[in-house]
PDB file of N, CA and C in Angstrom:
ATOM      1  N   GLN A   1      -0.567  21.931  -0.451  1.00  0.00           N
ATOM      2  CA  GLN A   1      -0.628  21.169   0.751  1.00  0.00           C
ATOM      3  C   GLN A   1      -0.598  19.428   0.588  1.00  0.00           C
ATOM      4  N   CYS A   2       0.433  18.961   1.236  1.00  0.00           N
ATOM      5  CA  CYS A   2       0.549  17.412   1.209  1.00  0.00           C
ATOM      6  C   CYS A   2      -0.578  16.820   1.989  1.00  0.00           C
ATOM      7  N   GLN A   3      -1.139  15.642   1.242  1.00  0.00           N
ATOM      8  CA  GLN A   3      -2.153  14.826   2.001  1.00  0.00           C
ATOM      9  C   GLN A   3      -1.004  13.856   2.764  1.00  0.00           C
ATOM     10  N   GLN A   4      -2.070  13.167   3.681  1.00  0.00           N
ATOM     11  CA  GLN A   4      -1.384  12.224   4.671  1.00  0.00           C
ATOM     12  C   GLN A   4      -2.038  10.519   4.505  1.00  0.00           C
ATOM     13  N   LEU A   5      -1.002   9.743   4.735  1.00  0.00           N
ATOM     14  CA  LEU A   5      -1.526   8.381   4.648  1.00  0.00           C
ATOM     15  C   LEU A   5      -1.389   7.939   6.222  1.00  0.00           C
ATOM     16  N   THR A   6      -2.296   7.184   6.761  1.00  0.00           N
ATOM     17  CA  THR A   6      -1.778   6.808   8.087  1.00  0.00           C
ATOM     18  C   THR A   6      -2.239   5.292   8.248  1.00  0.00           C
ATOM     19  N   ALA A   7      -1.329   4.407   9.052  1.00  0.00           N
ATOM     20  CA  ALA A   7      -1.701   3.037   8.960  1.00  0.00           C
ATOM     21  C   ALA A   7      -2.475   2.785  10.165  1.00  0.00           C
ATOM     22  N   LEU A   8      -3.510   1.995   9.934  1.00  0.00           N
ATOM     23  CA  LEU A   8      -4.811   1.693  10.736  1.00  0.00           C
ATOM     24  C   LEU A   8      -4.127   0.769  12.026  1.00  0.00           C
ATOM     25  N   GLN A   9      -3.168  -0.137  11.536  1.00  0.00           N
ATOM     26  CA  GLN A   9      -2.338  -0.805  12.732  1.00  0.00           C
ATOM     27  C   GLN A   9      -1.002  -0.787  12.376  1.00  0.00           C
ATOM     28  N   LYS A  10      -0.097  -0.787  13.526  1.00  0.00           N
ATOM     29  CA  LYS A  10       1.445  -0.693  13.576  1.00  0.00           C
ATOM     30  C   LYS A  10       1.816  -2.112  13.262  1.00  0.00           C
ATOM     31  N   GLU A  11       1.187  -3.054  13.669  1.00  0.00           N
ATOM     32  CA  GLU A  11       1.652  -4.566  13.550  1.00  0.00           C
ATOM     33  C   GLU A  11       0.347  -5.426  13.196  1.00  0.00           C
ATOM     34  N   GLU A  12       0.764  -6.553  12.186  1.00  0.00           N
ATOM     35  CA  GLU A  12      -0.193  -7.270  11.975  1.00  0.00           C
ATOM     36  C   GLU A  12       0.379  -8.819  12.243  1.00  0.00           C
ATOM     37  N   PHE A  13      -0.251  -9.920  12.799  1.00  0.00           N
ATOM     38  CA  PHE A  13       0.060 -11.184  13.232  1.00  0.00           C
ATOM     39  C   PHE A  13      -0.750 -12.122  12.286  1.00  0.00           C
ATOM     40  N   ALA A  14      -0.200 -13.132  11.615  1.00  0.00           N
ATOM     41  CA  ALA A  14      -1.095 -14.208  10.853  1.00  0.00           C
ATOM     42  C   ALA A  14      -0.579 -15.356  11.004  1.00  0.00           C
ATOM     43  N   VAL A  15      -1.243 -16.476  10.996  1.00  0.00           N
ATOM     44  CA  VAL A  15      -0.628 -17.888  10.685  1.00  0.00           C
ATOM     45  C   VAL A  15      -0.135 -18.108   9.067  1.00  0.00           C
ATOM     46  N   GLU A  16       0.730 -18.780   8.829  1.00  0.00           N
ATOM     47  CA  GLU A  16       0.890 -19.186   7.410  1.00  0.00           C
ATOM     48  C   GLU A  16      -0.604 -19.755   6.610  1.00  0.00           C
ATOM     49  N   SER A  17      -0.463 -19.221   5.346  1.00  0.00           N
ATOM     50  CA  SER A  17      -1.639 -19.658   4.550  1.00  0.00           C
ATOM     51  C   SER A  17      -3.012 -18.583   4.749  1.00  0.00           C
ATOM     52  N   SER A  18      -2.956 -17.916   5.651  1.00  0.00           N
ATOM     53  CA  SER A  18      -4.051 -17.067   5.962  1.00  0.00           C
ATOM     54  C   SER A  18      -3.971 -15.881   5.245  1.00  0.00           C
ATOM     55  N   LYS A  19      -5.005 -15.039   5.100  1.00  0.00           N
ATOM     56  CA  LYS A  19      -5.009 -13.643   4.399  1.00  0.00           C
ATOM     57  C   LYS A  19      -4.930 -12.421   5.326  1.00  0.00           C
ATOM     58  N   VAL A  20      -3.732 -11.800   5.073  1.00  0.00           N
ATOM     59  CA  VAL A  20      -3.420 -10.558   5.790  1.00  0.00           C
ATOM     60  C   VAL A  20      -3.889  -9.275   5.043  1.00  0.00           C
ATOM     61  N   THR A  21      -4.638  -8.456   5.891  1.00  0.00           N
ATOM     62  CA  THR A  21      -4.853  -6.978   5.231  1.00  0.00           C
ATOM     63  C   THR A  21      -4.385  -5.887   5.941  1.00  0.00           C
ATOM     64  N   LEU A  22      -3.381  -5.208   5.317  1.00  0.00           N
ATOM     65  CA  LEU A  22      -2.762  -4.051   5.707  1.00  0.00           C
ATOM     66  C   LEU A  22      -3.443  -2.775   5.217  1.00  0.00           C
ATOM     67  N   SER A  23      -3.785  -1.916   5.921  1.00  0.00           N
ATOM     68  CA  SER A  23      -4.837  -0.679   5.902  1.00  0.00           C
ATOM     69  C   SER A  23      -4.234   0.578   6.047  1.00  0.00           C
ATOM     70  N   TYR A  24      -4.396   1.450   5.065  1.00  0.00           N
ATOM     71  CA  TYR A  24      -4.061   2.936   5.472  1.00  0.00           C
ATOM     72  C   TYR A  24      -5.252   3.736   5.058  1.00  0.00           C
ATOM     73  N   THR A  25      -5.477   4.824   5.757  1.00  0.00           N
ATOM     74  CA  THR A  25      -6.361   5.980   5.527  1.00  0.00           C
ATOM     75  C   THR A  25      -5.449   7.055   4.838  1.00  0.00           C
ATOM     76  N   TYR A  26      -6.511   7.551   3.897  1.00  0.00           N
ATOM     77  CA  TYR A  26      -5.879   8.682   3.319  1.00  0.00           C
ATOM     78  C   TYR A  26      -6.845  10.148   3.776  1.00  0.00           C
ATOM     79  N   SER A  27      -6.117  11.151   3.830  1.00  0.00           N
ATOM     80  CA  SER A  27      -6.465  12.206   4.448  1.00  0.00           C
ATOM     81  C   SER A  27      -7.497  13.050   3.593  1.00  0.00           C
ATOM     82  N   LYS A  28      -7.832  12.463   2.416  1.00  0.00           N
ATOM     83  CA  LYS A  28      -8.938  13.047   1.431  1.00  0.00           C
ATOM     84  C   LYS A  28      -9.185  11.883   0.588  1.00  0.00           C
ATOM     85  N   THR A  29     -10.396  12.142  -0.076  1.00  0.00           N
ATOM     86  CA  THR A  29     -11.128  11.542  -1.137  1.00  0.00           C
ATOM     87  C   THR A  29      -9.954  11.172  -2.339  1.00  0.00           C
ATOM     88  N   ALA A  30      -9.471  10.004  -2.707  1.00  0.00           N
ATOM     89  CA  ALA A  30      -8.519   9.785  -3.505  1.00  0.00           C
ATOM     90  C   ALA A  30      -9.146   9.711  -4.873  1.00  0.00           C
ATOM     91  N   ASP A  31      -8.498  10.196  -6.048  1.00  0.00           N
ATOM     92  CA  ASP A  31      -9.089  10.451  -7.327  1.00  0.00           C
ATOM     93  C   ASP A  31      -7.835   9.836  -8.316  1.00  0.00           C
ATOM     94  N   GLY A  32      -8.256  10.223  -9.596  1.00  0.00           N
ATOM     95  CA  GLY A  32      -7.166   9.825 -10.634  1.00  0.00           C
ATOM     96  C   GLY A  32      -5.927  10.394 -10.515  1.00  0.00           C
ATOM     97  N   ASN A  33      -5.643  11.500  -9.807  1.00  0.00           N
ATOM     98  CA  ASN A  33      -4.396  12.371  -9.578  1.00  0.00           C
ATOM     99  C   ASN A  33      -3.569  11.636  -8.700  1.00  0.00           C
ATOM    100  N   ASP A  34      -4.098  10.850  -7.862  1.00  0.00           N
ATOM    101  CA  ASP A  34      -3.200  10.230  -6.747  1.00  0.00           C
ATOM    102  C   ASP A  34      -2.610   9.015  -7.181  1.00  0.00           C
ATOM    103  N   TYR A  35      -1.473   8.673  -7.133  1.00  0.00           N
ATOM    104  CA  TYR A  35      -0.838   7.624  -7.121  1.00  0.00           C
ATOM    105  C   TYR A  35      -0.330   7.094  -5.781  1.00  0.00           C
ATOM    106  N   PHE A  36      -0.598   5.427  -5.759  1.00  0.00           N
ATOM    107  CA  PHE A  36      -0.166   4.681  -4.505  1.00  0.00           C
ATOM    108  C   PHE A  36       0.892   3.744  -4.908  1.00  0.00           C
ATOM    109  N   PHE A  37       1.849   3.558  -4.085  1.00  0.00           N
ATOM    110  CA  PHE A  37       3.037   2.794  -4.209  1.00  0.00           C
ATOM    111  C   PHE A  37       3.185   1.843  -2.969  1.00  0.00           C
ATOM    112  N   TRP A  38       2.871   0.444  -2.980  1.00  0.00           N
ATOM    113  CA  TRP A  38       3.305  -0.532  -1.977  1.00  0.00           C
ATOM    114  C   TRP A  38       4.687  -1.021  -2.112  1.00  0.00           C
ATOM    115  N   TYR A  39       5.327  -1.204  -0.722  1.00  0.00           N
ATOM    116  CA  TYR A  39       6.710  -1.633  -0.901  1.00  0.00           C
ATOM    117  C   TYR A  39       6.821  -2.677   0.386  1.00  0.00           C
ATOM    118  N   ARG A  40       7.744  -3.506   0.161  1.00  0.00           N
ATOM    119  CA  ARG A  40       8.131  -4.630   1.220  1.00  0.00           C
ATOM    120  C   ARG A  40       9.387  -4.522   1.737  1.00  0.00           C
ATOM    121  N   GLN A  41      10.117  -4.490   2.926  1.00  0.00           N
ATOM    122  CA  GLN A  41      11.280  -4.158   3.315  1.00  0.00           C
ATOM    123  C   GLN A  41      11.807  -5.311   4.396  1.00  0.00           C
ATOM    124  N   TYR A  42      12.783  -6.057   3.944  1.00  0.00           N
ATOM    125  CA  TYR A  42      13.342  -6.860   4.932  1.00  0.00           C
ATOM    126  C   TYR A  42      14.303  -6.169   5.731  1.00  0.00           C
ATOM    127  N   PRO A  43      14.984  -6.785   6.857  1.00  0.00           N
ATOM    128  CA  PRO A  43      15.919  -6.180   7.455  1.00  0.00           C
ATOM    129  C   PRO A  43      17.356  -6.330   6.586  1.00  0.00           C
ATOM    130  N   GLY A  44      17.910  -4.961   6.630  1.00  0.00           N
ATOM    131  CA  GLY A  44      19.228  -5.079   5.951  1.00  0.00           C
ATOM    132  C   GLY A  44      19.122  -4.883   4.652  1.00  0.00           C
ATOM    133  N   LYS A  45      17.787  -4.913   4.044  1.00  0.00           N
ATOM    134  CA  LYS A  45      17.742  -4.662   2.367  1.00  0.00           C
ATOM    135  C   LYS A  45      17.088  -3.438   2.084  1.00  0.00           C
ATOM    136  N   PRO A  46      17.087  -3.073   0.773  1.00  0.00           N
ATOM    137  CA  PRO A  46      16.038  -2.022   0.415  1.00  0.00           C
ATOM    138  C   PRO A  46      14.799  -2.234   0.131  1.00  0.00           C
ATOM    139  N   PRO A  47      14.059  -1.231   0.115  1.00  0.00           N
ATOM    140  CA  PRO A  47      12.746  -1.497  -0.130  1.00  0.00           C
ATOM    141  C   PRO A  47      12.314  -2.298  -1.415  1.00  0.00           C
ATOM    142  N   GLU A  48      11.356  -3.001  -1.583  1.00  0.00           N
ATOM    143  CA  GLU A  48      11.003  -3.909  -2.884  1.00  0.00           C
ATOM    144  C   GLU A  48       9.646  -3.368  -3.299  1.00  0.00           C
ATOM    145  N   PHE A  49       9.562  -3.004  -4.730  1.00  0.00           N
ATOM    146  CA  PHE A  49       8.277  -2.398  -4.976  1.00  0.00           C
ATOM    147  C   PHE A  49       7.255  -3.631  -5.153  1.00  0.00           C
ATOM    148  N   LEU A  50       6.157  -3.392  -4.816  1.00  0.00           N
ATOM    149  CA  LEU A  50       5.137  -4.571  -4.769  1.00  0.00           C
ATOM    150  C   LEU A  50       4.005  -4.382  -5.959  1.00  0.00           C
ATOM    151  N   ILE A  51       3.512  -3.127  -5.651  1.00  0.00           N
ATOM    152  CA  ILE A  51       2.081  -2.999  -6.500  1.00  0.00           C
ATOM    153  C   ILE A  51       1.968  -1.385  -6.500  1.00  0.00           C
ATOM    154  N   SER A  52       1.516  -1.033  -7.631  1.00  0.00           N
ATOM    155  CA  SER A  52       0.947   0.191  -7.390  1.00  0.00           C
ATOM    156  C   SER A  52      -0.466   0.643  -8.337  1.00  0.00           C
ATOM    157  N   HIS A  53      -1.054   1.660  -7.629  1.00  0.00           N
ATOM    158  CA  HIS A  53      -2.464   1.780  -8.385  1.00  0.00           C
ATOM    159  C   HIS A  53      -2.972   3.030  -8.162  1.00  0.00           C
ATOM    160  N   LEU A  54      -3.897   3.512  -9.023  1.00  0.00           N
ATOM    161  CA  LEU A  54      -4.520   5.085  -8.963  1.00  0.00           C
ATOM    162  C   LEU A  54      -5.395   5.188  -7.615  1.00  0.00           C
ATOM    163  N   GLY A  55      -5.614   6.412  -7.507  1.00  0.00           N
ATOM    164  CA  GLY A  55      -6.974   6.398  -6.524  1.00  0.00           C
ATOM    165  C   GLY A  55      -8.246   6.140  -6.845  1.00  0.00           C
ATOM    166  N   THR A  56      -8.340   5.992  -8.247  1.00  0.00           N
ATOM    167  CA  THR A  56      -9.402   5.475  -8.681  1.00  0.00           C
ATOM    168  C   THR A  56      -9.873   3.961  -8.480  1.00  0.00           C
ATOM    169  N   GLY A  57      -8.481   3.397  -7.980  1.00  0.00           N
ATOM    170  CA  GLY A  57      -8.514   1.870  -8.088  1.00  0.00           C
ATOM    171  C   GLY A  57      -8.162   0.934  -9.183  1.00  0.00           C
ATOM    172  N   THR A  58      -7.518   1.703 -10.015  1.00  0.00           N
ATOM    173  CA  THR A  58      -7.016   1.334 -11.244  1.00  0.00           C
ATOM    174  C   THR A  58      -5.682   0.685 -11.148  1.00  0.00           C
ATOM    175  N   LYS A  59      -5.332  -0.335 -11.200  1.00  0.00           N
ATOM    176  CA  LYS A  59      -4.022  -1.017 -11.094  1.00  0.00           C
ATOM    177  C   LYS A  59      -2.994  -0.537 -12.205  1.00  0.00           C
ATOM    178  N   LEU A  60      -2.149  -0.015 -11.612  1.00  0.00           N
ATOM    179  CA  LEU A  60      -0.879   0.313 -12.813  1.00  0.00           C
ATOM    180  C   LEU A  60       0.277  -0.670 -12.885  1.00  0.00           C
ATOM    181  N   GLN A  61       1.013  -1.098 -11.765  1.00  0.00           N
ATOM    182  CA  GLN A  61       1.779  -2.290 -11.869  1.00  0.00           C
ATOM    183  C   GLN A  61       1.759  -3.334 -10.550  1.00  0.00           C
ATOM    184  N   ASP A  62       2.133  -4.333 -11.016  1.00  0.00           N
ATOM    185  CA  ASP A  62       2.456  -5.570  -9.728  1.00  0.00           C
ATOM    186  C   ASP A  62       3.290  -6.579 -10.112  1.00  0.00           C
ATOM    187  N   PRO A  63       4.851  -6.138 -10.060  1.00  0.00           N
ATOM    188  CA  PRO A  63       5.573  -7.116 -10.495  1.00  0.00           C
ATOM    189  C   PRO A  63       5.902  -8.270  -9.574  1.00  0.00           C
ATOM    190  N   VAL A  64       5.525  -8.205  -8.443  1.00  0.00           N
ATOM    191  CA  VAL A  64       5.524  -9.274  -7.198  1.00  0.00           C
ATOM    192  C   VAL A  64       4.270 -10.211  -7.375  1.00  0.00           C
ATOM    193  N   PRO A  65       4.190 -11.347  -7.414  1.00  0.00           N
ATOM    194  CA  PRO A  65       2.987 -12.089  -7.559  1.00  0.00           C
ATOM    195  C   PRO A  65       2.650 -12.292  -5.647  1.00  0.00           C
ATOM    196  N   GLY A  66       1.510 -12.467  -5.664  1.00  0.00           N
ATOM    197  CA  GLY A  66       0.692 -12.683  -4.374  1.00  0.00           C
ATOM    198  C   GLY A  66       0.540 -11.525  -3.755  1.00  0.00           C
ATOM    199  N   PHE A  67       0.102 -10.406  -4.413  1.00  0.00           N
ATOM    200  CA  PHE A  67      -0.297  -9.230  -3.568  1.00  0.00           C
ATOM    201  C   PHE A  67      -1.379  -8.567  -4.487  1.00  0.00           C
ATOM    202  N   SER A  68      -2.351  -8.081  -3.796  1.00  0.00           N
ATOM    203  CA  SER A  68      -3.290  -7.284  -4.298  1.00  0.00           C
ATOM    204  C   SER A  68      -3.822  -6.087  -3.822  1.00  0.00           C
ATOM    205  N   PHE A  69      -4.664  -5.346  -4.048  1.00  0.00           N
ATOM    206  CA  PHE A  69      -5.121  -4.081  -3.065  1.00  0.00           C
ATOM    207  C   PHE A  69      -6.486  -3.865  -3.429  1.00  0.00           C
ATOM    208  N   ASN A  70      -7.167  -3.246  -2.542  1.00  0.00           N
ATOM    209  CA  ASN A  70      -8.693  -2.887  -2.185  1.00  0.00           C
ATOM    210  C   ASN A  70      -8.986  -1.550  -1.900  1.00  0.00           C
ATOM    211  N   MET A  71      -9.809  -0.789  -2.471  1.00  0.00           N
ATOM    212  CA  MET A  71      -9.857   0.547  -1.856  1.00  0.00           C
ATOM    213  C   MET A  71     -11.462   0.554  -1.415  1.00  0.00           C
ATOM    214  N   ASN A  72     -11.798   1.403  -0.424  1.00  0.00           N
ATOM    215  CA  ASN A  72     -13.169   1.387   0.150  1.00  0.00           C
ATOM    216  C   ASN A  72     -13.927   2.185  -0.745  1.00  0.00           C
ATOM    217  N   ALA A  73     -15.148   2.146  -0.757  1.00  0.00           N
ATOM    218  CA  ALA A  73     -15.919   2.924  -1.686  1.00  0.00           C
ATOM    219  C   ALA A  73     -15.991   4.460  -1.742  1.00  0.00           C
ATOM    220  N   ASP A  74     -15.620   5.076  -0.441  1.00  0.00           N
ATOM    221  CA  ASP A  74     -15.248   6.440  -0.631  1.00  0.00           C
ATOM    222  C   ASP A  74     -13.958   6.844  -0.901  1.00  0.00           C
ATOM    223  N   LYS A  75     -13.049   5.829  -1.101  1.00  0.00           N
ATOM    224  CA  LYS A  75     -11.749   6.147  -1.645  1.00  0.00           C
ATOM    225  C   LYS A  75     -10.994   7.110  -0.568  1.00  0.00           C
ATOM    226  N   THR A  76     -11.161   6.735   0.669  1.00  0.00           N
ATOM    227  CA  THR A  76     -10.217   7.007   1.564  1.00  0.00           C
ATOM    228  C   THR A  76      -9.631   5.756   2.357  1.00  0.00           C
ATOM    229  N   GLN A  77      -9.639   4.864   2.080  1.00  0.00           N
ATOM    230  CA  GLN A  77      -8.950   3.667   2.771  1.00  0.00           C
ATOM    231  C   GLN A  77      -8.474   2.645   1.875  1.00  0.00           C
ATOM    232  N   MET A  78      -7.145   2.532   1.727  1.00  0.00           N
ATOM    233  CA  MET A  78      -6.619   1.384   0.746  1.00  0.00           C
ATOM    234  C   MET A  78      -5.792   0.251   1.602  1.00  0.00           C
ATOM    235  N   ASP A  79      -6.055  -0.970   1.213  1.00  0.00           N
ATOM    236  CA  ASP A  79      -5.655  -2.157   1.639  1.00  0.00           C
ATOM    237  C   ASP A  79      -4.826  -2.990   0.881  1.00  0.00           C
ATOM    238  N   LEU A  80      -3.694  -3.285   1.362  1.00  0.00           N
ATOM    239  CA  LEU A  80      -2.759  -4.375   0.723  1.00  0.00           C
ATOM    240  C   LEU A  80      -3.274  -5.724   1.146  1.00  0.00           C
ATOM    241  N   LEU A  81      -3.311  -6.672   0.190  1.00  0.00           N
ATOM    242  CA  LEU A  81      -4.090  -7.944   0.712  1.00  0.00           C
ATOM    243  C   LEU A  81      -2.811  -8.843   0.180  1.00  0.00           C
ATOM    244  N   ILE A  82      -2.557  -9.886   1.236  1.00  0.00           N
ATOM    245  CA  ILE A  82      -1.469 -10.986   1.485  1.00  0.00           C
ATOM    246  C   ILE A  82      -1.902 -12.222   1.676  1.00  0.00           C
ATOM    247  N   SER A  83      -1.698 -13.234   0.910  1.00  0.00           N
ATOM    248  CA  SER A  83      -1.689 -14.290   1.111  1.00  0.00           C
ATOM    249  C   SER A  83      -0.476 -14.720   2.205  1.00  0.00           C
ATOM    250  N   ALA A  84      -0.451 -14.970   3.563  1.00  0.00           N
ATOM    251  CA  ALA A  84       0.580 -15.140   4.460  1.00  0.00           C
ATOM    252  C   ALA A  84       1.487 -16.368   4.340  1.00  0.00           C
ATOM    253  N   ALA A  85       2.882 -15.731   4.040  1.00  0.00           N
ATOM    254  CA  ALA A  85       3.961 -17.035   4.242  1.00  0.00           C
ATOM    255  C   ALA A  85       4.845 -16.512   5.105  1.00  0.00           C
ATOM    256  N   VAL A  86       5.659 -17.415   5.678  1.00  0.00           N
ATOM    257  CA  VAL A  86       6.846 -16.974   6.460  1.00  0.00           C
ATOM    258  C   VAL A  86       7.548 -16.088   5.874  1.00  0.00           C
ATOM    259  N   THR A  87       8.036 -16.126   4.521  1.00  0.00           N
ATOM    260  CA  THR A  87       8.701 -15.024   4.041  1.00  0.00           C
ATOM    261  C   THR A  87       8.205 -13.663   3.788  1.00  0.00           C
ATOM    262  N   ASP A  88       6.841 -13.582   4.250  1.00  0.00           N
ATOM    263  CA  ASP A  88       6.244 -12.206   4.046  1.00  0.00           C
ATOM    264  C   ASP A  88       6.400 -11.458   5.372  1.00  0.00           C
ATOM    265  N   SER A  89       7.283 -11.769   6.232  1.00  0.00           N
ATOM    266  CA  SER A  89       7.493 -11.235   7.527  1.00  0.00           C
ATOM    267  C   SER A  89       8.375 -10.157   7.291  1.00  0.00           C
ATOM    268  N   ALA A  90       7.966  -8.969   7.303  1.00  0.00           N
ATOM    269  CA  ALA A  90       8.825  -7.825   6.629  1.00  0.00           C
ATOM    270  C   ALA A  90       8.168  -6.338   7.251  1.00  0.00           C
ATOM    271  N   VAL A  91       8.612  -5.470   6.941  1.00  0.00           N
ATOM    272  CA  VAL A  91       7.964  -3.895   7.009  1.00  0.00           C
ATOM    273  C   VAL A  91       7.245  -3.632   5.789  1.00  0.00           C
ATOM    274  N   TYR A  92       6.105  -3.293   5.791  1.00  0.00           N
ATOM    275  CA  TYR A  92       5.411  -2.669   4.630  1.00  0.00           C
ATOM    276  C   TYR A  92       5.127  -1.196   4.693  1.00  0.00           C
ATOM    277  N   TYR A  93       5.332  -0.710   3.269  1.00  0.00           N
ATOM    278  CA  TYR A  93       5.028   0.970   3.269  1.00  0.00           C
ATOM    279  C   TYR A  93       3.832   1.121   2.303  1.00  0.00           C
ATOM    280  N   CYS A  94       3.139   2.225   2.368  1.00  0.00           N
ATOM    281  CA  CYS A  94       2.642   2.841   1.179  1.00  0.00           C
ATOM    282  C   CYS A  94       2.902   3.911   1.090  1.00  0.00           C
ATOM    283  N   ALA A  95       3.343   4.500  -0.144  1.00  0.00           N
ATOM    284  CA  ALA A  95       3.557   6.089  -0.512  1.00  0.00           C
ATOM    285  C   ALA A  95       2.614   6.542  -1.481  1.00  0.00           C
ATOM    286  N   PHE A  96       2.588   7.617  -1.597  1.00  0.00           N
ATOM    287  CA  PHE A  96       1.597   8.260  -2.599  1.00  0.00           C
ATOM    288  C   PHE A  96       2.270   9.481  -3.296  1.00  0.00           C
ATOM    289  N   SER A  97       1.725   9.778  -4.405  1.00  0.00           N
ATOM    290  CA  SER A  97       1.932  11.211  -5.003  1.00  0.00           C
ATOM    291  C   SER A  97       0.960  11.777  -5.496  1.00  0.00           C
ATOM    292  N   GLU A  98       0.612  13.075  -5.563  1.00  0.00           N
ATOM    293  CA  GLU A  98      -0.372  13.636  -5.972  1.00  0.00           C
ATOM    294  C   GLU A  98      -0.511  13.993  -7.521  1.00  0.00           C
ATOM    295  N   SER A  99       0.990  13.472  -8.048  1.00  0.00           N
ATOM    296  CA  SER A  99       0.976  13.577  -9.388  1.00  0.00           C
ATOM    297  C   SER A  99       2.234  12.671  -9.844  1.00  0.00           C
ATOM    298  N   LEU A 100       2.624  12.080 -10.943  1.00  0.00           N
ATOM    299  CA  LEU A 100       3.704  11.543 -11.021  1.00  0.00           C
ATOM    300  C   LEU A 100       4.871  12.389 -10.809  1.00  0.00           C
ATOM    301  N   PHE A 101       4.878  13.407 -10.989  1.00  0.00           N
ATOM    302  CA  PHE A 101       6.073  14.467 -11.140  1.00  0.00           C
ATOM    303  C   PHE A 101       6.486  15.328  -9.844  1.00  0.00           C
ATOM    304  N   GLN A 102       5.160  15.406  -8.952  1.00  0.00           N
ATOM    305  CA  GLN A 102       5.215  16.230  -7.743  1.00  0.00           C
ATOM    306  C   GLN A 102       5.141  14.999  -6.436  1.00  0.00           C
ATOM    307  N   PHE A 103       6.135  14.851  -5.814  1.00  0.00           N
ATOM    308  CA  PHE A 103       6.355  14.250  -4.757  1.00  0.00           C
ATOM    309  C   PHE A 103       6.358  15.113  -3.430  1.00  0.00           C
ATOM    310  N   CYS A 104       5.567  14.569  -2.506  1.00  0.00           N
ATOM    311  CA  CYS A 104       5.325  14.980  -1.018  1.00  0.00           C
ATOM    312  C   CYS A 104       6.078  14.074  -0.125  1.00  0.00           C
ATOM    313  N   ASP A 105       6.944  15.128   0.845  1.00  0.00           N
ATOM    314  CA  ASP A 105       7.451  14.475   1.878  1.00  0.00           C
ATOM    315  C   ASP A 105       6.497  14.146   3.139  1.00  0.00           C
ATOM    316  N   ALA A 106       6.536  12.860   3.765  1.00  0.00           N
ATOM    317  CA  ALA A 106       5.554  12.657   4.652  1.00  0.00           C
ATOM    318  C   ALA A 106       5.944  13.177   6.268  1.00  0.00           C
TER     319      ALA A 106
END
């Protein structure tokens, strides 16, 4: 059975140069078999990969500068941390897989 990620807020607003946190809750305690992937999408453009990490909190990749992540102590909430700029106005997604080879449809 597939797990679920749920956004805590549908929208976030911030002034430029402030810190923005986008949070998702996970339907179970994440572990080293859970892979999380964050994306940003501008209107009319394909999603852009930002950062990935394991459920343990280990960073895997972060090709786009200016983004980091945080996980709470019980591994059920993950946050994307953004230093806000005008160019960061976009739709953000967090996706996951319970292994690198078995993807679940949300």
